[in-house]
Full PDB file with SEQRES, HELIX, SHEET, SSBOND, CRYST1, ORIGX, SCALE, CONECT and MASTER records, all heavy atoms in Angstrom:
SEQRES   1 A   31  PRO LEU TYR SER LEU ASP ASN PRO GLU LEU GLY ILE ALA          
SEQRES   2 A   31  GLU ASN TYR THR HIS SER SER ASP PHE THR GLU TRP GLU          
SEQRES   3 A   31  PHE ILE ILE ARG LYS                                          
HELIX    1 AA1 PRO A    8  LEU A   10  5                                   3    
SHEET    1 AA1 2 ALA A  13  HIS A  18  0                                        
SHEET    2 AA1 2 TRP A  25  ILE A  29 -1                                        
CRYST1    1.000    1.000    1.000  90.00  90.00  90.00 P 1           1          
ORIGX1      1.000000  0.000000  0.000000        0.00000                         
ORIGX2      0.000000  1.000000  0.000000        0.00000                         
ORIGX3      0.000000  0.000000  1.000000        0.00000                         
SCALE1      1.000000  0.000000  0.000000        0.00000                         
SCALE2      0.000000  1.000000  0.000000        0.00000                         
SCALE3      0.000000  0.000000  1.000000        0.00000                         
ATOM      1  N   PRO A   1     -22.245 -15.718  18.523  1.00  0.00           N  
ATOM      2  CA  PRO A   1     -22.220 -17.156  18.801  1.00  0.00           C  
ATOM      3  C   PRO A   1     -20.892 -17.763  18.369  1.00  0.00           C  
ATOM      4  O   PRO A   1     -20.117 -17.126  17.638  1.00  0.00           O  
ATOM      5  CB  PRO A   1     -23.365 -17.685  17.928  1.00  0.00           C  
ATOM      6  CG  PRO A   1     -23.342 -16.760  16.732  1.00  0.00           C  
ATOM      7  CD  PRO A   1     -22.959 -15.405  17.280  1.00  0.00           C  
ATOM      8  N   LEU A   2     -20.631 -18.959  18.822  1.00  0.00           N  
ATOM      9  CA  LEU A   2     -19.463 -19.681  18.309  1.00  0.00           C  
ATOM     10  C   LEU A   2     -19.628 -19.915  16.815  1.00  0.00           C  
ATOM     11  O   LEU A   2     -18.705 -19.655  16.029  1.00  0.00           O  
ATOM     12  CB  LEU A   2     -19.302 -21.019  19.044  1.00  0.00           C  
ATOM     13  CG  LEU A   2     -18.243 -21.969  18.485  1.00  0.00           C  
ATOM     14  CD1 LEU A   2     -16.861 -21.324  18.501  1.00  0.00           C  
ATOM     15  CD2 LEU A   2     -18.248 -23.289  19.252  1.00  0.00           C  
ATOM     16  N   TYR A   3     -20.809 -20.383  16.429  1.00  0.00           N  
ATOM     17  CA  TYR A   3     -21.073 -20.644  15.011  1.00  0.00           C  
ATOM     18  C   TYR A   3     -22.568 -20.525  14.757  1.00  0.00           C  
ATOM     19  O   TYR A   3     -23.379 -20.914  15.590  1.00  0.00           O  
ATOM     20  CB  TYR A   3     -20.587 -22.041  14.604  1.00  0.00           C  
ATOM     21  CG  TYR A   3     -20.518 -22.244  13.115  1.00  0.00           C  
ATOM     22  CD1 TYR A   3     -19.400 -21.835  12.395  1.00  0.00           C  
ATOM     23  CD2 TYR A   3     -21.571 -22.825  12.417  1.00  0.00           C  
ATOM     24  CE1 TYR A   3     -19.329 -22.004  11.017  1.00  0.00           C  
ATOM     25  CE2 TYR A   3     -21.510 -22.988  11.046  1.00  0.00           C  
ATOM     26  CZ  TYR A   3     -20.392 -22.576  10.354  1.00  0.00           C  
ATOM     27  OH  TYR A   3     -20.327 -22.738   8.987  1.00  0.00           O  
ATOM     28  N   SER A   4     -22.906 -19.965  13.596  1.00  0.00           N  
ATOM     29  CA  SER A   4     -24.300 -19.855  13.173  1.00  0.00           C  
ATOM     30  C   SER A   4     -24.436 -20.506  11.809  1.00  0.00           C  
ATOM     31  O   SER A   4     -23.858 -20.030  10.833  1.00  0.00           O  
ATOM     32  CB  SER A   4     -24.733 -18.392  13.109  1.00  0.00           C  
ATOM     33  OG  SER A   4     -26.011 -18.274  12.515  1.00  0.00           O  
ATOM     34  N   LEU A   5     -25.180 -21.593  11.737  1.00  0.00           N  
ATOM     35  CA  LEU A   5     -25.333 -22.295  10.472  1.00  0.00           C  
ATOM     36  C   LEU A   5     -26.098 -21.447   9.470  1.00  0.00           C  
ATOM     37  O   LEU A   5     -25.808 -21.482   8.266  1.00  0.00           O  
ATOM     38  CB  LEU A   5     -26.053 -23.631  10.696  1.00  0.00           C  
ATOM     39  CG  LEU A   5     -26.005 -24.634   9.533  1.00  0.00           C  
ATOM     40  CD1 LEU A   5     -24.561 -25.033   9.224  1.00  0.00           C  
ATOM     41  CD2 LEU A   5     -26.831 -25.874   9.868  1.00  0.00           C  
ATOM     42  N   ASP A   6     -27.077 -20.663   9.925  1.00  0.00           N  
ATOM     43  CA  ASP A   6     -27.857 -19.809   9.029  1.00  0.00           C  
ATOM     44  C   ASP A   6     -27.045 -18.610   8.537  1.00  0.00           C  
ATOM     45  O   ASP A   6     -27.205 -18.172   7.401  1.00  0.00           O  
ATOM     46  CB  ASP A   6     -29.133 -19.318   9.728  1.00  0.00           C  
ATOM     47  CG  ASP A   6     -30.115 -20.439   9.988  1.00  0.00           C  
ATOM     48  OD1 ASP A   6     -30.081 -21.430   9.234  1.00  0.00           O  
ATOM     49  OD2 ASP A   6     -30.894 -20.329  10.948  1.00  0.00           O  
ATOM     50  N   ASN A   7     -26.198 -18.064   9.413  1.00  0.00           N  
ATOM     51  CA  ASN A   7     -25.370 -16.898   9.058  1.00  0.00           C  
ATOM     52  C   ASN A   7     -23.939 -17.154   9.524  1.00  0.00           C  
ATOM     53  O   ASN A   7     -23.489 -16.576  10.526  1.00  0.00           O  
ATOM     54  CB  ASN A   7     -25.924 -15.630   9.708  1.00  0.00           C  
ATOM     55  CG  ASN A   7     -27.320 -15.297   9.248  1.00  0.00           C  
ATOM     56  OD1 ASN A   7     -27.524 -14.834   8.136  1.00  0.00           O  
ATOM     57  ND2 ASN A   7     -28.295 -15.543  10.123  1.00  0.00           N  
ATOM     58  N   PRO A   8     -23.188 -17.990   8.804  1.00  0.00           N  
ATOM     59  CA  PRO A   8     -21.835 -18.360   9.243  1.00  0.00           C  
ATOM     60  C   PRO A   8     -20.906 -17.173   9.443  1.00  0.00           C  
ATOM     61  O   PRO A   8     -20.006 -17.218  10.285  1.00  0.00           O  
ATOM     62  CB  PRO A   8     -21.337 -19.266   8.108  1.00  0.00           C  
ATOM     63  CG  PRO A   8     -22.570 -19.789   7.453  1.00  0.00           C  
ATOM     64  CD  PRO A   8     -23.576 -18.681   7.563  1.00  0.00           C  
ATOM     65  N   GLU A   9     -21.130 -16.088   8.682  1.00  0.00           N  
ATOM     66  CA  GLU A   9     -20.247 -14.934   8.786  1.00  0.00           C  
ATOM     67  C   GLU A   9     -20.383 -14.208  10.123  1.00  0.00           C  
ATOM     68  O   GLU A   9     -19.525 -13.404  10.498  1.00  0.00           O  
ATOM     69  CB  GLU A   9     -20.515 -13.942   7.639  1.00  0.00           C  
ATOM     70  CG  GLU A   9     -21.831 -13.214   7.697  1.00  0.00           C  
ATOM     71  CD  GLU A   9     -23.016 -14.033   7.195  1.00  0.00           C  
ATOM     72  OE1 GLU A   9     -22.821 -15.219   6.849  1.00  0.00           O  
ATOM     73  OE2 GLU A   9     -24.134 -13.495   7.159  1.00  0.00           O  
ATOM     74  N   LEU A  10     -21.458 -14.474  10.885  1.00  0.00           N  
ATOM     75  CA  LEU A  10     -21.685 -13.775  12.147  1.00  0.00           C  
ATOM     76  C   LEU A  10     -21.077 -14.497  13.346  1.00  0.00           C  
ATOM     77  O   LEU A  10     -21.014 -13.932  14.434  1.00  0.00           O  
ATOM     78  CB  LEU A  10     -23.189 -13.583  12.383  1.00  0.00           C  
ATOM     79  CG  LEU A  10     -23.958 -12.802  11.312  1.00  0.00           C  
ATOM     80  CD1 LEU A  10     -25.405 -12.611  11.731  1.00  0.00           C  
ATOM     81  CD2 LEU A  10     -23.302 -11.450  11.045  1.00  0.00           C  
ATOM     82  N   GLY A  11     -20.641 -15.732  13.175  1.00  0.00           N  
ATOM     83  CA  GLY A  11     -20.047 -16.491  14.271  1.00  0.00           C  
ATOM     84  C   GLY A  11     -18.562 -16.212  14.410  1.00  0.00           C  
ATOM     85  O   GLY A  11     -17.906 -15.759  13.463  1.00  0.00           O  
ATOM     86  N   ILE A  12     -18.001 -16.500  15.594  1.00  0.00           N  
ATOM     87  CA  ILE A  12     -16.576 -16.263  15.797  1.00  0.00           C  
ATOM     88  C   ILE A  12     -15.729 -17.386  15.205  1.00  0.00           C  
ATOM     89  O   ILE A  12     -14.519 -17.213  15.033  1.00  0.00           O  
ATOM     90  CB  ILE A  12     -16.244 -16.073  17.286  1.00  0.00           C  
ATOM     91  CG1 ILE A  12     -16.441 -17.383  18.052  1.00  0.00           C  
ATOM     92  CG2 ILE A  12     -17.082 -14.966  17.897  1.00  0.00           C  
ATOM     93  CD1 ILE A  12     -15.851 -17.350  19.444  1.00  0.00           C  
ATOM     94  N   ALA A  13     -16.336 -18.516  14.889  1.00  0.00           N  
ATOM     95  CA  ALA A  13     -15.602 -19.619  14.261  1.00  0.00           C  
ATOM     96  C   ALA A  13     -15.720 -19.508  12.745  1.00  0.00           C  
ATOM     97  O   ALA A  13     -16.808 -19.327  12.204  1.00  0.00           O  
ATOM     98  CB  ALA A  13     -16.142 -20.961  14.730  1.00  0.00           C  
ATOM     99  N   GLU A  14     -14.601 -19.608  12.063  1.00  0.00           N  
ATOM    100  CA  GLU A  14     -14.612 -19.505  10.607  1.00  0.00           C  
ATOM    101  C   GLU A  14     -14.779 -20.850   9.929  1.00  0.00           C  
ATOM    102  O   GLU A  14     -15.120 -20.927   8.748  1.00  0.00           O  
ATOM    103  CB  GLU A  14     -13.323 -18.839  10.114  1.00  0.00           C  
ATOM    104  CG  GLU A  14     -12.056 -19.618  10.446  1.00  0.00           C  
ATOM    105  CD  GLU A  14     -10.804 -18.880  10.006  1.00  0.00           C  
ATOM    106  OE1 GLU A  14     -10.959 -17.769   9.461  1.00  0.00           O  
ATOM    107  OE2 GLU A  14      -9.700 -19.406  10.207  1.00  0.00           O  
ATOM    108  N   ASN A  15     -14.554 -21.931  10.680  1.00  0.00           N  
ATOM    109  CA  ASN A  15     -14.659 -23.262  10.075  1.00  0.00           C  
ATOM    110  C   ASN A  15     -14.818 -24.305  11.179  1.00  0.00           C  
ATOM    111  O   ASN A  15     -14.550 -24.034  12.352  1.00  0.00           O  
ATOM    112  CB  ASN A  15     -13.414 -23.562   9.244  1.00  0.00           C  
ATOM    113  CG  ASN A  15     -13.668 -24.653   8.209  1.00  0.00           C  
ATOM    114  OD1 ASN A  15     -14.780 -25.200   8.120  1.00  0.00           O  
ATOM    115  ND2 ASN A  15     -12.651 -24.975   7.438  1.00  0.00           N  
ATOM    116  N   TYR A  16     -15.245 -25.494  10.774  1.00  0.00           N  
ATOM    117  CA  TYR A  16     -15.370 -26.591  11.730  1.00  0.00           C  
ATOM    118  C   TYR A  16     -15.219 -27.923  11.014  1.00  0.00           C  
ATOM    119  O   TYR A  16     -15.396 -28.026   9.794  1.00  0.00           O  
ATOM    120  CB  TYR A  16     -16.718 -26.538  12.457  1.00  0.00           C  
ATOM    121  CG  TYR A  16     -17.911 -26.872  11.584  1.00  0.00           C  
ATOM    122  CD1 TYR A  16     -18.388 -28.183  11.489  1.00  0.00           C  
ATOM    123  CD2 TYR A  16     -18.568 -25.887  10.846  1.00  0.00           C  
ATOM    124  CE1 TYR A  16     -19.486 -28.499  10.687  1.00  0.00           C  
ATOM    125  CE2 TYR A  16     -19.648 -26.185  10.053  1.00  0.00           C  
ATOM    126  CZ  TYR A  16     -20.104 -27.486   9.978  1.00  0.00           C  
ATOM    127  OH  TYR A  16     -21.179 -27.788   9.169  1.00  0.00           O  
ATOM    128  N   THR A  17     -14.874 -28.952  11.781  1.00  0.00           N  
ATOM    129  CA  THR A  17     -14.831 -30.331  11.290  1.00  0.00           C  
ATOM    130  C   THR A  17     -15.463 -31.222  12.359  1.00  0.00           C  
ATOM    131  O   THR A  17     -15.606 -30.817  13.518  1.00  0.00           O  
ATOM    132  CB  THR A  17     -13.393 -30.791  11.026  1.00  0.00           C  
ATOM    133  OG1 THR A  17     -12.624 -30.680  12.242  1.00  0.00           O  
ATOM    134  CG2 THR A  17     -12.732 -29.951   9.933  1.00  0.00           C  
ATOM    135  N   HIS A  18     -15.839 -32.417  11.949  1.00  0.00           N  
ATOM    136  CA  HIS A  18     -16.398 -33.370  12.916  1.00  0.00           C  
ATOM    137  C   HIS A  18     -15.907 -34.771  12.587  1.00  0.00           C  
ATOM    138  O   HIS A  18     -15.489 -35.067  11.454  1.00  0.00           O  
ATOM    139  CB  HIS A  18     -17.926 -33.325  12.917  1.00  0.00           C  
ATOM    140  CG  HIS A  18     -18.553 -33.609  11.584  1.00  0.00           C  
ATOM    141  ND1 HIS A  18     -18.637 -34.884  11.055  1.00  0.00           N  
ATOM    142  CD2 HIS A  18     -19.120 -32.782  10.663  1.00  0.00           C  
ATOM    143  CE1 HIS A  18     -19.239 -34.828   9.881  1.00  0.00           C  
ATOM    144  NE2 HIS A  18     -19.534 -33.560   9.615  1.00  0.00           N  
ATOM    145  N   SER A  19     -15.943 -35.632  13.574  1.00  0.00           N  
ATOM    146  CA  SER A  19     -15.552 -37.025  13.370  1.00  0.00           C  
ATOM    147  C   SER A  19     -16.618 -37.747  12.554  1.00  0.00           C  
ATOM    148  O   SER A  19     -17.746 -37.275  12.406  1.00  0.00           O  
ATOM    149  CB  SER A  19     -15.355 -37.718  14.719  1.00  0.00           C  
ATOM    150  OG  SER A  19     -16.563 -37.703  15.463  1.00  0.00           O  
ATOM    151  N   SER A  20     -16.274 -38.894  12.031  1.00  0.00           N  
ATOM    152  CA  SER A  20     -17.206 -39.635  11.175  1.00  0.00           C  
ATOM    153  C   SER A  20     -18.459 -40.074  11.919  1.00  0.00           C  
ATOM    154  O   SER A  20     -19.517 -40.244  11.313  1.00  0.00           O  
ATOM    155  CB  SER A  20     -16.494 -40.857  10.574  1.00  0.00           C  
ATOM    156  OG  SER A  20     -15.990 -41.698  11.605  1.00  0.00           O  
ATOM    157  N   ASP A  21     -18.350 -40.231  13.247  1.00  0.00           N  
ATOM    158  CA  ASP A  21     -19.527 -40.657  14.019  1.00  0.00           C  
ATOM    159  C   ASP A  21     -20.231 -39.488  14.711  1.00  0.00           C  
ATOM    160  O   ASP A  21     -21.134 -39.689  15.525  1.00  0.00           O  
ATOM    161  CB  ASP A  21     -19.122 -41.721  15.055  1.00  0.00           C  
ATOM    162  CG  ASP A  21     -18.155 -41.176  16.092  1.00  0.00           C  
ATOM    163  OD1 ASP A  21     -17.679 -40.024  15.928  1.00  0.00           O  
ATOM    164  OD2 ASP A  21     -17.867 -41.901  17.065  1.00  0.00           O  
ATOM    165  N   PHE A  22     -19.798 -38.257  14.420  1.00  0.00           N  
ATOM    166  CA  PHE A  22     -20.426 -37.041  14.933  1.00  0.00           C  
ATOM    167  C   PHE A  22     -20.348 -36.907  16.458  1.00  0.00           C  
ATOM    168  O   PHE A  22     -21.179 -36.235  17.067  1.00  0.00           O  
ATOM    169  CB  PHE A  22     -21.896 -36.957  14.505  1.00  0.00           C  
ATOM    170  CG  PHE A  22     -22.091 -36.877  13.022  1.00  0.00           C  
ATOM    171  CD1 PHE A  22     -22.405 -38.019  12.291  1.00  0.00           C  
ATOM    172  CD2 PHE A  22     -21.927 -35.681  12.341  1.00  0.00           C  
ATOM    173  CE1 PHE A  22     -22.583 -37.960  10.914  1.00  0.00           C  
ATOM    174  CE2 PHE A  22     -22.096 -35.613  10.971  1.00  0.00           C  
ATOM    175  CZ  PHE A  22     -22.424 -36.751  10.247  1.00  0.00           C  
ATOM    176  N   THR A  23     -19.340 -37.508  17.077  1.00  0.00           N  
ATOM    177  CA  THR A  23     -19.166 -37.362  18.531  1.00  0.00           C  
ATOM    178  C   THR A  23     -18.131 -36.306  18.880  1.00  0.00           C  
ATOM    179  O   THR A  23     -18.063 -35.869  20.037  1.00  0.00           O  
ATOM    180  CB  THR A  23     -18.757 -38.692  19.179  1.00  0.00           C  
ATOM    181  OG1 THR A  23     -17.539 -39.155  18.581  1.00  0.00           O  
ATOM    182  CG2 THR A  23     -19.851 -39.743  19.015  1.00  0.00           C  
ATOM    183  N   GLU A  24     -17.293 -35.913  17.900  1.00  0.00           N  
ATOM    184  CA  GLU A  24     -16.270 -34.905  18.144  1.00  0.00           C  
ATOM    185  C   GLU A  24     -16.395 -33.789  17.116  1.00  0.00           C  
ATOM    186  O   GLU A  24     -16.480 -34.049  15.914  1.00  0.00           O  
ATOM    187  CB  GLU A  24     -14.867 -35.522  18.083  1.00  0.00           C  
ATOM    188  CG  GLU A  24     -14.614 -36.569  19.161  1.00  0.00           C  
ATOM    189  CD  GLU A  24     -13.193 -37.091  19.132  1.00  0.00           C  
ATOM    190  OE1 GLU A  24     -12.379 -36.548  18.347  1.00  0.00           O  
ATOM    191  OE2 GLU A  24     -12.889 -38.033  19.886  1.00  0.00           O  
ATOM    192  N   TRP A  25     -16.420 -32.547  17.632  1.00  0.00           N  
ATOM    193  CA  TRP A  25     -16.563 -31.375  16.767  1.00  0.00           C  
ATOM    194  C   TRP A  25     -15.450 -30.386  17.092  1.00  0.00           C  
ATOM    195  O   TRP A  25     -15.300 -29.971  18.247  1.00  0.00           O  
ATOM    196  CB  TRP A  25     -17.918 -30.707  16.993  1.00  0.00           C  
ATOM    197  CG  TRP A  25     -19.086 -31.556  16.567  1.00  0.00           C  
ATOM    198  CD1 TRP A  25     -19.602 -32.639  17.222  1.00  0.00           C  
ATOM    199  CD2 TRP A  25     -19.878 -31.384  15.393  1.00  0.00           C  
ATOM    200  NE1 TRP A  25     -20.670 -33.154  16.541  1.00  0.00           N  
ATOM    201  CE2 TRP A  25     -20.868 -32.394  15.400  1.00  0.00           C  
ATOM    202  CE3 TRP A  25     -19.870 -30.466  14.350  1.00  0.00           C  
ATOM    203  CZ2 TRP A  25     -21.821 -32.513  14.398  1.00  0.00           C  
ATOM    204  CZ3 TRP A  25     -20.816 -30.572  13.347  1.00  0.00           C  
ATOM    205  CH2 TRP A  25     -21.778 -31.595  13.375  1.00  0.00           C  
ATOM    206  N   GLU A  26     -14.680 -30.005  16.081  1.00  0.00           N  
ATOM    207  CA  GLU A  26     -13.581 -29.060  16.273  1.00  0.00           C  
ATOM    208  C   GLU A  26     -13.867 -27.767  15.512  1.00  0.00           C  
ATOM    209  O   GLU A  26     -14.297 -27.797  14.353  1.00  0.00           O  
ATOM    210  CB  GLU A  26     -12.266 -29.668  15.790  1.00  0.00           C  
ATOM    211  CG  GLU A  26     -11.067 -28.759  16.012  1.00  0.00           C  
ATOM    212  CD  GLU A  26      -9.763 -29.391  15.595  1.00  0.00           C  
ATOM    213  OE1 GLU A  26      -9.675 -30.648  15.627  1.00  0.00           O  
ATOM    214  OE2 GLU A  26      -8.831 -28.655  15.215  1.00  0.00           O  
ATOM    215  N   PHE A  27     -13.598 -26.626  16.167  1.00  0.00           N  
ATOM    216  CA  PHE A  27     -13.877 -25.319  15.578  1.00  0.00           C  
ATOM    217  C   PHE A  27     -12.600 -24.486  15.517  1.00  0.00           C  
ATOM    218  O   PHE A  27     -11.807 -24.476  16.462  1.00  0.00           O  
ATOM    219  CB  PHE A  27     -14.935 -24.576  16.394  1.00  0.00           C  
ATOM    220  CG  PHE A  27     -16.284 -25.236  16.365  1.00  0.00           C  
ATOM    221  CD1 PHE A  27     -16.582 -26.254  17.266  1.00  0.00           C  
ATOM    222  CD2 PHE A  27     -17.245 -24.855  15.434  1.00  0.00           C  
ATOM    223  CE1 PHE A  27     -17.818 -26.877  17.238  1.00  0.00           C  
ATOM    224  CE2 PHE A  27     -18.486 -25.475  15.399  1.00  0.00           C  
ATOM    225  CZ  PHE A  27     -18.771 -26.481  16.299  1.00  0.00           C  
ATOM    226  N   ILE A  28     -12.428 -23.780  14.394  1.00  0.00           N  
ATOM    227  CA  ILE A  28     -11.321 -22.864  14.195  1.00  0.00           C  
ATOM    228  C   ILE A  28     -11.846 -21.439  14.370  1.00  0.00           C  
ATOM    229  O   ILE A  28     -12.749 -21.011  13.647  1.00  0.00           O  
ATOM    230  CB  ILE A  28     -10.692 -23.017  12.798  1.00  0.00           C  
ATOM    231  CG1 ILE A  28     -10.349 -24.477  12.517  1.00  0.00           C  
ATOM    232  CG2 ILE A  28      -9.465 -22.124  12.671  1.00  0.00           C  
ATOM    233  CD1 ILE A  28      -9.350 -25.071  13.474  1.00  0.00           C  
ATOM    234  N   ILE A  29     -11.291 -20.718  15.326  1.00  0.00           N  
ATOM    235  CA  ILE A  29     -11.774 -19.371  15.658  1.00  0.00           C  
ATOM    236  C   ILE A  29     -11.051 -18.324  14.817  1.00  0.00           C  
ATOM    237  O   ILE A  29      -9.838 -18.411  14.586  1.00  0.00           O  
ATOM    238  CB  ILE A  29     -11.577 -19.104  17.156  1.00  0.00           C  
ATOM    239  CG1 ILE A  29     -12.448 -20.083  17.957  1.00  0.00           C  
ATOM    240  CG2 ILE A  29     -11.943 -17.658  17.515  1.00  0.00           C  
ATOM    241  CD1 ILE A  29     -12.213 -20.036  19.439  1.00  0.00           C  
ATOM    242  N   ARG A  30     -11.807 -17.340  14.363  1.00  0.00           N  
ATOM    243  CA  ARG A  30     -11.228 -16.244  13.579  1.00  0.00           C  
ATOM    244  C   ARG A  30     -10.177 -15.502  14.411  1.00  0.00           C  
ATOM    245  O   ARG A  30     -10.357 -15.281  15.600  1.00  0.00           O  
ATOM    246  CB  ARG A  30     -12.321 -15.237  13.178  1.00  0.00           C  
ATOM    247  CG  ARG A  30     -13.500 -15.835  12.440  1.00  0.00           C  
ATOM    248  CD  ARG A  30     -14.565 -14.772  12.201  1.00  0.00           C  
ATOM    249  NE  ARG A  30     -15.808 -15.377  11.787  1.00  0.00           N  
ATOM    250  CZ  ARG A  30     -16.118 -15.651  10.516  1.00  0.00           C  
ATOM    251  NH1 ARG A  30     -15.245 -15.344   9.566  1.00  0.00           N  
ATOM    252  NH2 ARG A  30     -17.272 -16.200  10.208  1.00  0.00           N  
ATOM    253  N   LYS A  31      -9.124 -15.061  13.737  1.00  0.00           N  
ATOM    254  CA  LYS A  31      -8.074 -14.306  14.424  1.00  0.00           C  
ATOM    255  C   LYS A  31      -8.301 -12.801  14.329  1.00  0.00           C  
ATOM    256  O   LYS A  31      -7.489 -12.021  14.848  1.00  0.00           O  
ATOM    257  CB  LYS A  31      -6.709 -14.687  13.866  1.00  0.00           C  
ATOM    258  CG  LYS A  31      -6.342 -16.145  14.159  1.00  0.00           C  
ATOM    259  CD  LYS A  31      -4.940 -16.493  13.704  1.00  0.00           C  
ATOM    260  CE  LYS A  31      -4.617 -17.942  14.042  1.00  0.00           C  
ATOM    261  NZ  LYS A  31      -3.247 -18.308  13.597  1.00  0.00           N  
TER     262      LYS A  31                                                      
MASTER        0    0    0    1    2    0    0    6  261    1    0    3          
END                                                                             
């Protein structure tokens, strides 16, 4: 998956951020 909240280590994204109103979500993909 892009990201797994239950198992973050299994997703291809290593981190994420979101806007204060939760309308924008940015993901950093593992290299």
